[in-house]
């Protein structure tokens, strides 16, 4: 018998922001679903799950730096939106839908 997670778990979305160092501007140097949260290239990251939300909700993500940022180096910045909280593990509910609106990235 196959067990399914509680429906409530599938109603939560996942959002993440990852800043990582690259050696060059080469298009091939990109983190993906296999290493976006585990690579030793990561300089700063923040993730969140929405909880059970039925309406548009404003929120702020502030990066947690695990390494020093050097403005002389090259970086890439990834923002990941997943309609299911475990979507980054390729486990999502069929028909999941997420509406993303009015995203603003502020660098200080």
PDB file of N, CA and C in Angstrom:
ATOM      1  N   UNK A   1       0.842  -1.182   0.000  1.00  0.00           N
ATOM      2  CA  UNK A   1       0.000   0.000   0.000  1.00  0.00           C
ATOM      3  C   UNK A   1       0.888   1.246   0.000  1.00  0.00           C
ATOM      4  N   UNK A   2       0.634   2.140  -0.906  1.00  0.00           N
ATOM      5  CA  UNK A   2       1.404   3.379  -1.009  1.00  0.00           C
ATOM      6  C   UNK A   2       0.793   4.439  -0.109  1.00  0.00           C
ATOM      7  N   UNK A   3       1.653   5.119   0.644  1.00  0.00           N
ATOM      8  CA  UNK A   3       1.185   6.179   1.543  1.00  0.00           C
ATOM      9  C   UNK A   3       1.445   7.530   0.879  1.00  0.00           C
ATOM     10  N   UNK A   4       0.504   8.417   1.008  1.00  0.00           N
ATOM     11  CA  UNK A   4       0.641   9.759   0.454  1.00  0.00           C
ATOM     12  C   UNK A   4       0.762  10.768   1.579  1.00  0.00           C
ATOM     13  N   UNK A   5       1.525  11.837   1.356  1.00  0.00           N
ATOM     14  CA  UNK A   5       1.628  12.870   2.381  1.00  0.00           C
ATOM     15  C   UNK A   5       0.281  13.549   2.605  1.00  0.00           C
ATOM     16  N   UNK A   6       0.137  14.170   3.737  1.00  0.00           N
ATOM     17  CA  UNK A   6      -1.093  14.901   4.008  1.00  0.00           C
ATOM     18  C   UNK A   6      -1.296  15.982   2.964  1.00  0.00           C
ATOM     19  N   UNK A   7      -2.523  16.217   2.582  1.00  0.00           N
ATOM     20  CA  UNK A   7      -2.835  17.221   1.577  1.00  0.00           C
ATOM     21  C   UNK A   7      -2.264  18.574   1.981  1.00  0.00           C
ATOM     22  N   UNK A   8      -2.274  18.890   3.256  1.00  0.00           N
ATOM     23  CA  UNK A   8      -1.777  20.176   3.730  1.00  0.00           C
ATOM     24  C   UNK A   8      -0.330  20.405   3.295  1.00  0.00           C
ATOM     25  N   UNK A   9       0.497  19.371   3.304  1.00  0.00           N
ATOM     26  CA  UNK A   9       1.883  19.519   2.888  1.00  0.00           C
ATOM     27  C   UNK A   9       1.991  19.963   1.435  1.00  0.00           C
ATOM     28  N   UNK A  10       1.073  19.514   0.590  1.00  0.00           N
ATOM     29  CA  UNK A  10       1.139  19.841  -0.822  1.00  0.00           C
ATOM     30  C   UNK A  10       0.644  21.252  -1.094  1.00  0.00           C
ATOM     31  N   UNK A  11      -0.061  21.861  -0.137  1.00  0.00           N
ATOM     32  CA  UNK A  11      -0.592  23.200  -0.343  1.00  0.00           C
ATOM     33  C   UNK A  11       0.430  24.283  -0.046  1.00  0.00           C
ATOM     34  N   UNK A  12       1.579  23.914   0.444  1.00  0.00           N
ATOM     35  CA  UNK A  12       2.608  24.880   0.779  1.00  0.00           C
ATOM     36  C   UNK A  12       3.578  25.047  -0.389  1.00  0.00           C
ATOM     37  N   UNK A  13       3.961  26.289  -0.640  1.00  0.00           N
ATOM     38  CA  UNK A  13       4.951  26.538  -1.679  1.00  0.00           C
ATOM     39  C   UNK A  13       6.325  26.708  -1.042  1.00  0.00           C
ATOM     40  N   UNK A  14       7.351  26.682  -1.874  1.00  0.00           N
ATOM     41  CA  UNK A  14       8.723  26.860  -1.421  1.00  0.00           C
ATOM     42  C   UNK A  14       9.357  27.970  -2.249  1.00  0.00           C
ATOM     43  N   UNK A  15      10.095  28.846  -1.569  1.00  0.00           N
ATOM     44  CA  UNK A  15      10.782  29.943  -2.246  1.00  0.00           C
ATOM     45  C   UNK A  15      12.197  30.000  -1.699  1.00  0.00           C
ATOM     46  N   UNK A  16      13.163  30.182  -2.583  1.00  0.00           N
ATOM     47  CA  UNK A  16      14.554  30.242  -2.148  1.00  0.00           C
ATOM     48  C   UNK A  16      15.316  31.268  -2.976  1.00  0.00           C
ATOM     49  N   UNK A  17      16.362  31.810  -2.367  1.00  0.00           N
ATOM     50  CA  UNK A  17      17.284  32.710  -3.059  1.00  0.00           C
ATOM     51  C   UNK A  17      18.693  32.234  -2.739  1.00  0.00           C
ATOM     52  N   UNK A  18      19.521  32.098  -3.767  1.00  0.00           N
ATOM     53  CA  UNK A  18      20.879  31.564  -3.601  1.00  0.00           C
ATOM     54  C   UNK A  18      21.865  32.432  -4.376  1.00  0.00           C
ATOM     55  N   UNK A  19      22.895  32.904  -3.687  1.00  0.00           N
ATOM     56  CA  UNK A  19      23.988  33.647  -4.307  1.00  0.00           C
ATOM     57  C   UNK A  19      25.203  32.734  -4.298  1.00  0.00           C
ATOM     58  N   UNK A  20      25.787  32.500  -5.484  1.00  0.00           N
ATOM     59  CA  UNK A  20      26.935  31.599  -5.544  1.00  0.00           C
ATOM     60  C   UNK A  20      28.025  32.143  -6.456  1.00  0.00           C
ATOM     61  N   UNK A  21      29.263  31.786  -6.120  1.00  0.00           N
ATOM     62  CA  UNK A  21      30.447  32.263  -6.835  1.00  0.00           C
ATOM     63  C   UNK A  21      30.665  31.433  -8.095  1.00  0.00           C
ATOM     64  N   UNK A  22      31.103  32.104  -9.168  1.00  0.00           N
ATOM     65  CA  UNK A  22      31.454  31.428 -10.417  1.00  0.00           C
ATOM     66  C   UNK A  22      32.842  31.884 -10.851  1.00  0.00           C
ATOM     67  N   UNK A  23      33.510  31.065 -11.629  1.00  0.00           N
ATOM     68  CA  UNK A  23      34.862  31.389 -12.089  1.00  0.00           C
ATOM     69  C   UNK A  23      34.862  32.286 -13.318  1.00  0.00           C
ATOM     70  N   UNK A  24      33.782  32.187 -14.126  1.00  0.00           N
ATOM     71  CA  UNK A  24      33.711  32.981 -15.343  1.00  0.00           C
ATOM     72  C   UNK A  24      32.248  33.245 -15.683  1.00  0.00           C
ATOM     73  N   UNK A  25      32.033  34.027 -16.730  1.00  0.00           N
ATOM     74  CA  UNK A  25      30.665  34.306 -17.167  1.00  0.00           C
ATOM     75  C   UNK A  25      30.140  33.234 -18.116  1.00  0.00           C
ATOM     76  N   UNK A  26      30.839  32.118 -18.213  1.00  0.00           N
ATOM     77  CA  UNK A  26      30.449  31.001 -19.067  1.00  0.00           C
ATOM     78  C   UNK A  26      29.052  30.510 -18.680  1.00  0.00           C
ATOM     79  N   UNK A  27      28.189  30.357 -19.661  1.00  0.00           N
ATOM     80  CA  UNK A  27      26.817  29.900 -19.431  1.00  0.00           C
ATOM     81  C   UNK A  27      26.738  28.508 -18.804  1.00  0.00           C
ATOM     82  N   UNK A  28      27.789  27.700 -18.957  1.00  0.00           N
ATOM     83  CA  UNK A  28      27.758  26.336 -18.443  1.00  0.00           C
ATOM     84  C   UNK A  28      27.935  26.234 -16.940  1.00  0.00           C
ATOM     85  N   UNK A  29      28.344  27.288 -16.311  1.00  0.00           N
ATOM     86  CA  UNK A  29      28.603  27.254 -14.867  1.00  0.00           C
ATOM     87  C   UNK A  29      27.353  27.683 -14.097  1.00  0.00           C
ATOM     88  N   UNK A  30      26.397  26.770 -14.035  1.00  0.00           N
ATOM     89  CA  UNK A  30      25.116  27.046 -13.400  1.00  0.00           C
ATOM     90  C   UNK A  30      24.778  25.912 -12.435  1.00  0.00           C
ATOM     91  N   UNK A  31      24.344  26.265 -11.230  1.00  0.00           N
ATOM     92  CA  UNK A  31      23.864  25.255 -10.289  1.00  0.00           C
ATOM     93  C   UNK A  31      22.443  24.885 -10.687  1.00  0.00           C
ATOM     94  N   UNK A  32      22.051  23.635 -10.424  1.00  0.00           N
ATOM     95  CA  UNK A  32      20.709  23.188 -10.773  1.00  0.00           C
ATOM     96  C   UNK A  32      20.074  22.468  -9.583  1.00  0.00           C
ATOM     97  N   UNK A  33      18.980  21.784  -9.800  1.00  0.00           N
ATOM     98  CA  UNK A  33      18.250  21.102  -8.737  1.00  0.00           C
ATOM     99  C   UNK A  33      19.065  20.073  -7.980  1.00  0.00           C
ATOM    100  N   UNK A  34      20.153  19.601  -8.575  1.00  0.00           N
ATOM    101  CA  UNK A  34      20.986  18.604  -7.901  1.00  0.00           C
ATOM    102  C   UNK A  34      21.945  19.213  -6.888  1.00  0.00           C
ATOM    103  N   UNK A  35      22.334  20.490  -7.083  1.00  0.00           N
ATOM    104  CA  UNK A  35      23.355  21.069  -6.201  1.00  0.00           C
ATOM    105  C   UNK A  35      23.088  22.503  -5.752  1.00  0.00           C
ATOM    106  N   UNK A  36      21.930  23.043  -6.075  1.00  0.00           N
ATOM    107  CA  UNK A  36      21.649  24.438  -5.757  1.00  0.00           C
ATOM    108  C   UNK A  36      21.645  24.720  -4.255  1.00  0.00           C
ATOM    109  N   UNK A  37      21.394  23.722  -3.419  1.00  0.00           N
ATOM    110  CA  UNK A  37      21.373  23.926  -1.968  1.00  0.00           C
ATOM    111  C   UNK A  37      22.590  23.333  -1.264  1.00  0.00           C
ATOM    112  N   UNK A  38      23.468  22.665  -1.999  1.00  0.00           N
ATOM    113  CA  UNK A  38      24.575  21.952  -1.348  1.00  0.00           C
ATOM    114  C   UNK A  38      25.959  22.312  -1.869  1.00  0.00           C
ATOM    115  N   UNK A  39      26.057  23.061  -2.936  1.00  0.00           N
ATOM    116  CA  UNK A  39      27.345  23.358  -3.561  1.00  0.00           C
ATOM    117  C   UNK A  39      28.262  24.156  -2.632  1.00  0.00           C
ATOM    118  N   UNK A  40      29.555  23.894  -2.734  1.00  0.00           N
ATOM    119  CA  UNK A  40      30.527  24.669  -1.957  1.00  0.00           C
ATOM    120  C   UNK A  40      30.748  26.056  -2.572  1.00  0.00           C
ATOM    121  N   UNK A  41      30.108  26.349  -3.694  1.00  0.00           N
ATOM    122  CA  UNK A  41      30.185  27.664  -4.325  1.00  0.00           C
ATOM    123  C   UNK A  41      29.219  28.667  -3.690  1.00  0.00           C
ATOM    124  N   UNK A  42      28.295  28.186  -2.864  1.00  0.00           N
ATOM    125  CA  UNK A  42      27.272  29.049  -2.271  1.00  0.00           C
ATOM    126  C   UNK A  42      27.902  30.015  -1.277  1.00  0.00           C
ATOM    127  N   UNK A  43      27.556  31.280  -1.441  1.00  0.00           N
ATOM    128  CA  UNK A  43      28.047  32.340  -0.560  1.00  0.00           C
ATOM    129  C   UNK A  43      26.948  32.772   0.409  1.00  0.00           C
ATOM    130  N   UNK A  44      25.711  32.804  -0.081  1.00  0.00           N
ATOM    131  CA  UNK A  44      24.580  33.213   0.752  1.00  0.00           C
ATOM    132  C   UNK A  44      23.317  32.531   0.255  1.00  0.00           C
ATOM    133  N   UNK A  45      22.383  32.291   1.186  1.00  0.00           N
ATOM    134  CA  UNK A  45      21.163  31.586   0.807  1.00  0.00           C
ATOM    135  C   UNK A  45      20.073  31.856   1.837  1.00  0.00           C
ATOM    136  N   UNK A  46      18.841  31.742   1.393  1.00  0.00           N
ATOM    137  CA  UNK A  46      17.691  31.772   2.291  1.00  0.00           C
ATOM    138  C   UNK A  46      16.577  30.981   1.633  1.00  0.00           C
ATOM    139  N   UNK A  47      15.881  30.180   2.411  1.00  0.00           N
ATOM    140  CA  UNK A  47      14.734  29.427   1.909  1.00  0.00           C
ATOM    141  C   UNK A  47      13.561  29.618   2.860  1.00  0.00           C
ATOM    142  N   UNK A  48      12.384  29.416   2.332  1.00  0.00           N
ATOM    143  CA  UNK A  48      11.180  29.466   3.166  1.00  0.00           C
ATOM    144  C   UNK A  48      10.081  28.634   2.528  1.00  0.00           C
ATOM    145  N   UNK A  49       9.186  28.140   3.358  1.00  0.00           N
ATOM    146  CA  UNK A  49       7.942  27.549   2.865  1.00  0.00           C
ATOM    147  C   UNK A  49       6.822  28.456   3.348  1.00  0.00           C
ATOM    148  N   UNK A  50       5.748  28.473   2.600  1.00  0.00           N
ATOM    149  CA  UNK A  50       4.692  29.449   2.830  1.00  0.00           C
ATOM    150  C   UNK A  50       3.807  29.137   4.023  1.00  0.00           C
ATOM    151  N   UNK A  51       3.749  27.888   4.422  1.00  0.00           N
ATOM    152  CA  UNK A  51       2.675  27.510   5.336  1.00  0.00           C
ATOM    153  C   UNK A  51       1.409  27.404   4.512  1.00  0.00           C
ATOM    154  N   UNK A  52       0.312  27.209   5.121  1.00  0.00           N
ATOM    155  CA  UNK A  52      -0.958  27.045   4.419  1.00  0.00           C
ATOM    156  C   UNK A  52      -1.567  28.421   4.179  1.00  0.00           C
ATOM    157  N   UNK A  53      -1.388  28.991   2.986  1.00  0.00           N
ATOM    158  CA  UNK A  53      -1.820  30.345   2.668  1.00  0.00           C
ATOM    159  C   UNK A  53      -2.860  30.298   1.558  1.00  0.00           C
ATOM    160  N   UNK A  54      -3.967  31.001   1.757  1.00  0.00           N
ATOM    161  CA  UNK A  54      -5.043  30.981   0.772  1.00  0.00           C
ATOM    162  C   UNK A  54      -5.126  32.272  -0.041  1.00  0.00           C
ATOM    163  N   UNK A  55      -4.305  33.264   0.278  1.00  0.00           N
ATOM    164  CA  UNK A  55      -4.361  34.534  -0.448  1.00  0.00           C
ATOM    165  C   UNK A  55      -2.954  35.079  -0.646  1.00  0.00           C
ATOM    166  N   UNK A  56      -2.831  36.118  -1.468  1.00  0.00           N
ATOM    167  CA  UNK A  56      -1.524  36.734  -1.689  1.00  0.00           C
ATOM    168  C   UNK A  56      -0.968  37.220  -0.369  1.00  0.00           C
ATOM    169  N   UNK A  57       0.304  36.935  -0.151  1.00  0.00           N
ATOM    170  CA  UNK A  57       0.949  37.292   1.108  1.00  0.00           C
ATOM    171  C   UNK A  57       2.291  37.940   0.816  1.00  0.00           C
ATOM    172  N   UNK A  58       2.508  39.128   1.348  1.00  0.00           N
ATOM    173  CA  UNK A  58       3.777  39.827   1.169  1.00  0.00           C
ATOM    174  C   UNK A  58       4.795  39.239   2.146  1.00  0.00           C
ATOM    175  N   UNK A  59       6.031  39.095   1.681  1.00  0.00           N
ATOM    176  CA  UNK A  59       7.080  38.558   2.545  1.00  0.00           C
ATOM    177  C   UNK A  59       8.432  39.097   2.095  1.00  0.00           C
ATOM    178  N   UNK A  60       9.426  38.930   2.948  1.00  0.00           N
ATOM    179  CA  UNK A  60      10.789  39.355   2.662  1.00  0.00           C
ATOM    180  C   UNK A  60      11.733  38.209   2.970  1.00  0.00           C
ATOM    181  N   UNK A  61      12.674  37.955   2.073  1.00  0.00           N
ATOM    182  CA  UNK A  61      13.747  36.992   2.329  1.00  0.00           C
ATOM    183  C   UNK A  61      15.041  37.780   2.495  1.00  0.00           C
ATOM    184  N   UNK A  62      15.759  37.517   3.563  1.00  0.00           N
ATOM    185  CA  UNK A  62      17.057  38.134   3.782  1.00  0.00           C
ATOM    186  C   UNK A  62      18.101  37.029   3.738  1.00  0.00           C
ATOM    187  N   UNK A  63      19.105  37.193   2.891  1.00  0.00           N
ATOM    188  CA  UNK A  63      20.115  36.147   2.719  1.00  0.00           C
ATOM    189  C   UNK A  63      20.958  35.961   3.984  1.00  0.00           C
ATOM    190  N   UNK A  64      21.277  34.699   4.262  1.00  0.00           N
ATOM    191  CA  UNK A  64      22.230  34.352   5.319  1.00  0.00           C
ATOM    192  C   UNK A  64      23.562  34.070   4.646  1.00  0.00           C
ATOM    193  N   UNK A  65      24.574  34.862   4.955  1.00  0.00           N
ATOM    194  CA  UNK A  65      25.896  34.694   4.349  1.00  0.00           C
ATOM    195  C   UNK A  65      26.709  33.672   5.132  1.00  0.00           C
ATOM    196  N   UNK A  66      27.224  32.670   4.419  1.00  0.00           N
ATOM    197  CA  UNK A  66      28.075  31.657   5.036  1.00  0.00           C
ATOM    198  C   UNK A  66      29.538  31.853   4.658  1.00  0.00           C
ATOM    199  N   UNK A  67      29.756  32.703   3.637  1.00  0.00           N
ATOM    200  CA  UNK A  67      31.100  33.057   3.194  1.00  0.00           C
ATOM    201  C   UNK A  67      31.134  34.558   2.942  1.00  0.00           C
ATOM    202  N   UNK A  68      32.319  35.118   2.909  1.00  0.00           N
ATOM    203  CA  UNK A  68      32.454  36.547   2.677  1.00  0.00           C
ATOM    204  C   UNK A  68      32.189  36.882   1.214  1.00  0.00           C
ATOM    205  N   UNK A  69      31.442  37.942   0.994  1.00  0.00           N
ATOM    206  CA  UNK A  69      31.167  38.436  -0.352  1.00  0.00           C
ATOM    207  C   UNK A  69      32.316  39.343  -0.773  1.00  0.00           C
ATOM    208  N   UNK A  70      32.875  39.083  -1.940  1.00  0.00           N
ATOM    209  CA  UNK A  70      33.971  39.881  -2.479  1.00  0.00           C
ATOM    210  C   UNK A  70      33.482  40.535  -3.774  1.00  0.00           C
ATOM    211  N   UNK A  71      33.268  41.850  -3.785  1.00  0.00           N
ATOM    212  CA  UNK A  71      32.730  42.503  -4.986  1.00  0.00           C
ATOM    213  C   UNK A  71      33.623  42.388  -6.218  1.00  0.00           C
ATOM    214  N   UNK A  72      34.872  41.987  -6.053  1.00  0.00           N
ATOM    215  CA  UNK A  72      35.777  41.812  -7.196  1.00  0.00           C
ATOM    216  C   UNK A  72      35.562  40.463  -7.888  1.00  0.00           C
ATOM    217  N   UNK A  73      34.815  39.542  -7.268  1.00  0.00           N
ATOM    218  CA  UNK A  73      34.567  38.204  -7.834  1.00  0.00           C
ATOM    219  C   UNK A  73      33.270  38.205  -8.643  1.00  0.00           C
ATOM    220  N   UNK A  74      33.059  37.131  -9.414  1.00  0.00           N
ATOM    221  CA  UNK A  74      31.832  36.951 -10.195  1.00  0.00           C
ATOM    222  C   UNK A  74      30.854  36.063  -9.438  1.00  0.00           C
ATOM    223  N   UNK A  75      29.572  36.400  -9.531  1.00  0.00           N
ATOM    224  CA  UNK A  75      28.532  35.646  -8.835  1.00  0.00           C
ATOM    225  C   UNK A  75      27.327  35.454  -9.749  1.00  0.00           C
ATOM    226  N   UNK A  76      26.518  34.488  -9.404  1.00  0.00           N
ATOM    227  CA  UNK A  76      25.190  34.320 -10.006  1.00  0.00           C
ATOM    228  C   UNK A  76      24.195  34.317  -8.849  1.00  0.00           C
ATOM    229  N   UNK A  77      22.993  34.766  -9.156  1.00  0.00           N
ATOM    230  CA  UNK A  77      21.942  34.839  -8.150  1.00  0.00           C
ATOM    231  C   UNK A  77      20.737  34.084  -8.676  1.00  0.00           C
ATOM    232  N   UNK A  78      20.295  33.079  -7.953  1.00  0.00           N
ATOM    233  CA  UNK A  78      19.138  32.278  -8.369  1.00  0.00           C
ATOM    234  C   UNK A  78      17.981  32.509  -7.404  1.00  0.00           C
ATOM    235  N   UNK A  79      16.803  32.698  -7.963  1.00  0.00           N
ATOM    236  CA  UNK A  79      15.579  32.776  -7.171  1.00  0.00           C
ATOM    237  C   UNK A  79      14.707  31.626  -7.643  1.00  0.00           C
ATOM    238  N   UNK A  80      14.300  30.769  -6.706  1.00  0.00           N
ATOM    239  CA  UNK A  80      13.567  29.555  -7.050  1.00  0.00           C
ATOM    240  C   UNK A  80      12.178  29.609  -6.444  1.00  0.00           C
ATOM    241  N   UNK A  81      11.157  29.482  -7.286  1.00  0.00           N
ATOM    242  CA  UNK A  81       9.776  29.434  -6.840  1.00  0.00           C
ATOM    243  C   UNK A  81       9.236  28.049  -7.163  1.00  0.00           C
ATOM    244  N   UNK A  82       8.686  27.361  -6.179  1.00  0.00           N
ATOM    245  CA  UNK A  82       8.140  26.024  -6.406  1.00  0.00           C
ATOM    246  C   UNK A  82       6.724  25.958  -5.830  1.00  0.00           C
ATOM    247  N   UNK A  83       5.776  25.500  -6.633  1.00  0.00           N
ATOM    248  CA  UNK A  83       4.375  25.458  -6.210  1.00  0.00           C
ATOM    249  C   UNK A  83       4.118  24.471  -5.069  1.00  0.00           C
ATOM    250  N   UNK A  84       4.969  23.485  -4.916  1.00  0.00           N
ATOM    251  CA  UNK A  84       4.857  22.535  -3.806  1.00  0.00           C
ATOM    252  C   UNK A  84       6.110  22.652  -2.953  1.00  0.00           C
ATOM    253  N   UNK A  85       5.976  22.514  -1.647  1.00  0.00           N
ATOM    254  CA  UNK A  85       7.133  22.755  -0.786  1.00  0.00           C
ATOM    255  C   UNK A  85       8.274  21.781  -1.033  1.00  0.00           C
ATOM    256  N   UNK A  86       8.011  20.631  -1.620  1.00  0.00           N
ATOM    257  CA  UNK A  86       9.071  19.685  -1.948  1.00  0.00           C
ATOM    258  C   UNK A  86       9.304  19.608  -3.455  1.00  0.00           C
ATOM    259  N   UNK A  87       8.907  20.634  -4.169  1.00  0.00           N
ATOM    260  CA  UNK A  87       9.075  20.669  -5.619  1.00  0.00           C
ATOM    261  C   UNK A  87      10.530  20.639  -6.039  1.00  0.00           C
ATOM    262  N   UNK A  88      11.430  21.187  -5.210  1.00  0.00           N
ATOM    263  CA  UNK A  88      12.853  21.150  -5.537  1.00  0.00           C
ATOM    264  C   UNK A  88      13.391  19.728  -5.521  1.00  0.00           C
ATOM    265  N   UNK A  89      12.671  18.809  -4.876  1.00  0.00           N
ATOM    266  CA  UNK A  89      13.036  17.391  -4.877  1.00  0.00           C
ATOM    267  C   UNK A  89      12.264  16.640  -5.949  1.00  0.00           C
ATOM    268  N   UNK A  90      11.640  17.392  -6.841  1.00  0.00           N
ATOM    269  CA  UNK A  90      10.836  16.831  -7.936  1.00  0.00           C
ATOM    270  C   UNK A  90       9.675  15.988  -7.401  1.00  0.00           C
ATOM    271  N   UNK A  91       9.133  16.385  -6.240  1.00  0.00           N
ATOM    272  CA  UNK A  91       7.951  15.737  -5.673  1.00  0.00           C
ATOM    273  C   UNK A  91       6.894  16.813  -5.511  1.00  0.00           C
ATOM    274  N   UNK A  92       6.038  16.922  -6.482  1.00  0.00           N
ATOM    275  CA  UNK A  92       5.001  17.948  -6.445  1.00  0.00           C
ATOM    276  C   UNK A  92       3.650  17.318  -6.705  1.00  0.00           C
ATOM    277  N   UNK A  93       2.627  17.991  -6.259  1.00  0.00           N
ATOM    278  CA  UNK A  93       1.266  17.519  -6.493  1.00  0.00           C
ATOM    279  C   UNK A  93       0.862  17.857  -7.920  1.00  0.00           C
ATOM    280  N   UNK A  94       0.220  16.910  -8.593  1.00  0.00           N
ATOM    281  CA  UNK A  94      -0.253  17.158  -9.953  1.00  0.00           C
ATOM    282  C   UNK A  94      -1.212  18.338  -9.930  1.00  0.00           C
ATOM    283  N   UNK A  95      -1.037  19.235 -10.861  1.00  0.00           N
ATOM    284  CA  UNK A  95      -1.924  20.384 -10.957  1.00  0.00           C
ATOM    285  C   UNK A  95      -1.589  21.520  -9.997  1.00  0.00           C
ATOM    286  N   UNK A  96      -0.469  21.433  -9.311  1.00  0.00           N
ATOM    287  CA  UNK A  96      -0.078  22.521  -8.414  1.00  0.00           C
ATOM    288  C   UNK A  96       0.049  23.812  -9.208  1.00  0.00           C
ATOM    289  N   UNK A  97      -0.368  24.909  -8.617  1.00  0.00           N
ATOM    290  CA  UNK A  97      -0.308  26.189  -9.304  1.00  0.00           C
ATOM    291  C   UNK A  97       0.184  27.239  -8.323  1.00  0.00           C
ATOM    292  N   UNK A  98       1.079  28.069  -8.798  1.00  0.00           N
ATOM    293  CA  UNK A  98       1.609  29.150  -7.974  1.00  0.00           C
ATOM    294  C   UNK A  98       1.632  30.412  -8.815  1.00  0.00           C
ATOM    295  N   UNK A  99       1.111  31.479  -8.267  1.00  0.00           N
ATOM    296  CA  UNK A  99       1.120  32.758  -8.960  1.00  0.00           C
ATOM    297  C   UNK A  99       2.142  33.647  -8.254  1.00  0.00           C
ATOM    298  N   UNK A 100       3.114  34.129  -9.020  1.00  0.00           N
ATOM    299  CA  UNK A 100       4.157  35.003  -8.481  1.00  0.00           C
ATOM    300  C   UNK A 100       3.953  36.368  -9.115  1.00  0.00           C
ATOM    301  N   UNK A 101       3.885  37.389  -8.272  1.00  0.00           N
ATOM    302  CA  UNK A 101       3.595  38.724  -8.772  1.00  0.00           C
ATOM    303  C   UNK A 101       4.424  39.753  -8.012  1.00  0.00           C
ATOM    304  N   UNK A 102       4.912  40.742  -8.733  1.00  0.00           N
ATOM    305  CA  UNK A 102       5.554  41.905  -8.144  1.00  0.00           C
ATOM    306  C   UNK A 102       6.772  41.542  -7.288  1.00  0.00           C
ATOM    307  N   UNK A 103       7.719  40.840  -7.892  1.00  0.00           N
ATOM    308  CA  UNK A 103       8.953  40.464  -7.212  1.00  0.00           C
ATOM    309  C   UNK A 103       9.937  41.619  -7.309  1.00  0.00           C
ATOM    310  N   UNK A 104      10.566  41.947  -6.203  1.00  0.00           N
ATOM    311  CA  UNK A 104      11.549  43.021  -6.162  1.00  0.00           C
ATOM    312  C   UNK A 104      12.795  42.503  -5.465  1.00  0.00           C
ATOM    313  N   UNK A 105      13.951  42.662  -6.105  1.00  0.00           N
ATOM    314  CA  UNK A 105      15.219  42.252  -5.518  1.00  0.00           C
ATOM    315  C   UNK A 105      15.987  43.529  -5.185  1.00  0.00           C
ATOM    316  N   UNK A 106      16.329  43.683  -3.908  1.00  0.00           N
ATOM    317  CA  UNK A 106      17.006  44.887  -3.441  1.00  0.00           C
ATOM    318  C   UNK A 106      18.396  44.493  -2.990  1.00  0.00           C
ATOM    319  N   UNK A 107      19.403  45.102  -3.566  1.00  0.00           N
ATOM    320  CA  UNK A 107      20.796  44.843  -3.184  1.00  0.00           C
ATOM    321  C   UNK A 107      21.315  46.038  -2.387  1.00  0.00           C
ATOM    322  N   UNK A 108      21.829  45.742  -1.221  1.00  0.00           N
ATOM    323  CA  UNK A 108      22.347  46.824  -0.371  1.00  0.00           C
ATOM    324  C   UNK A 108      23.804  46.632  -0.105  1.00  0.00           C
TER     325      UNK A 108
END
